[in-house]
């Protein structure tokens, strides 16, 4: 039988000294660790993808829920803003002299058989009232009550008409505020 011989295809001493030999030794030792480290980073990036996908899905769900809440509350907010605007308008109307105060004063001297048709109020010009009296007595009672009010000056009845076929006496009364509106009634 023949003896066994070992065969080595790599040159022993000379190959390690040559540039290709040093490169091959470096690739087989350090290069192997670089490849392992790179694979580790790739695997970590792949696994982190699942974590970040779950976070993105949760954020999309939260956004959808909050959008639904905002849409549900939009009608309430619209009503709330409308009411705020109305309250602001009411506050502006109640500042200074208010026409409803004078309307209350006029209503206090208005007899049952006299009906107001129009009420026009301006702080500078005073007020103008158009009304219909269904009897002479109602007309007289209104005139005396209106003329005796201390809240107005220069009380006048400017027009009176009685048309055939129509009920009552139509008239227009005017009055000015004391001091031309500067000393208007405050409440």
Foldseek 3Di string as FASTA:
>chain_A
DDDDDDDDPDDDPPLCPDPVNVVVVCCVPVVVVVVVVVVVVVVVVVVVVVVVVVVVVVVVVVVVVVVVVCVVCVVVVVVVVVVVVVVVVVVVQQPADHVVVVVVLLVVQQDPQKAWDDWDADLQFGIKTKIFGQDPVRVVSSVVSVVPDPQWPPKDWDDWDDDPPDGGIITMIGTAGVPRNPPHDHD
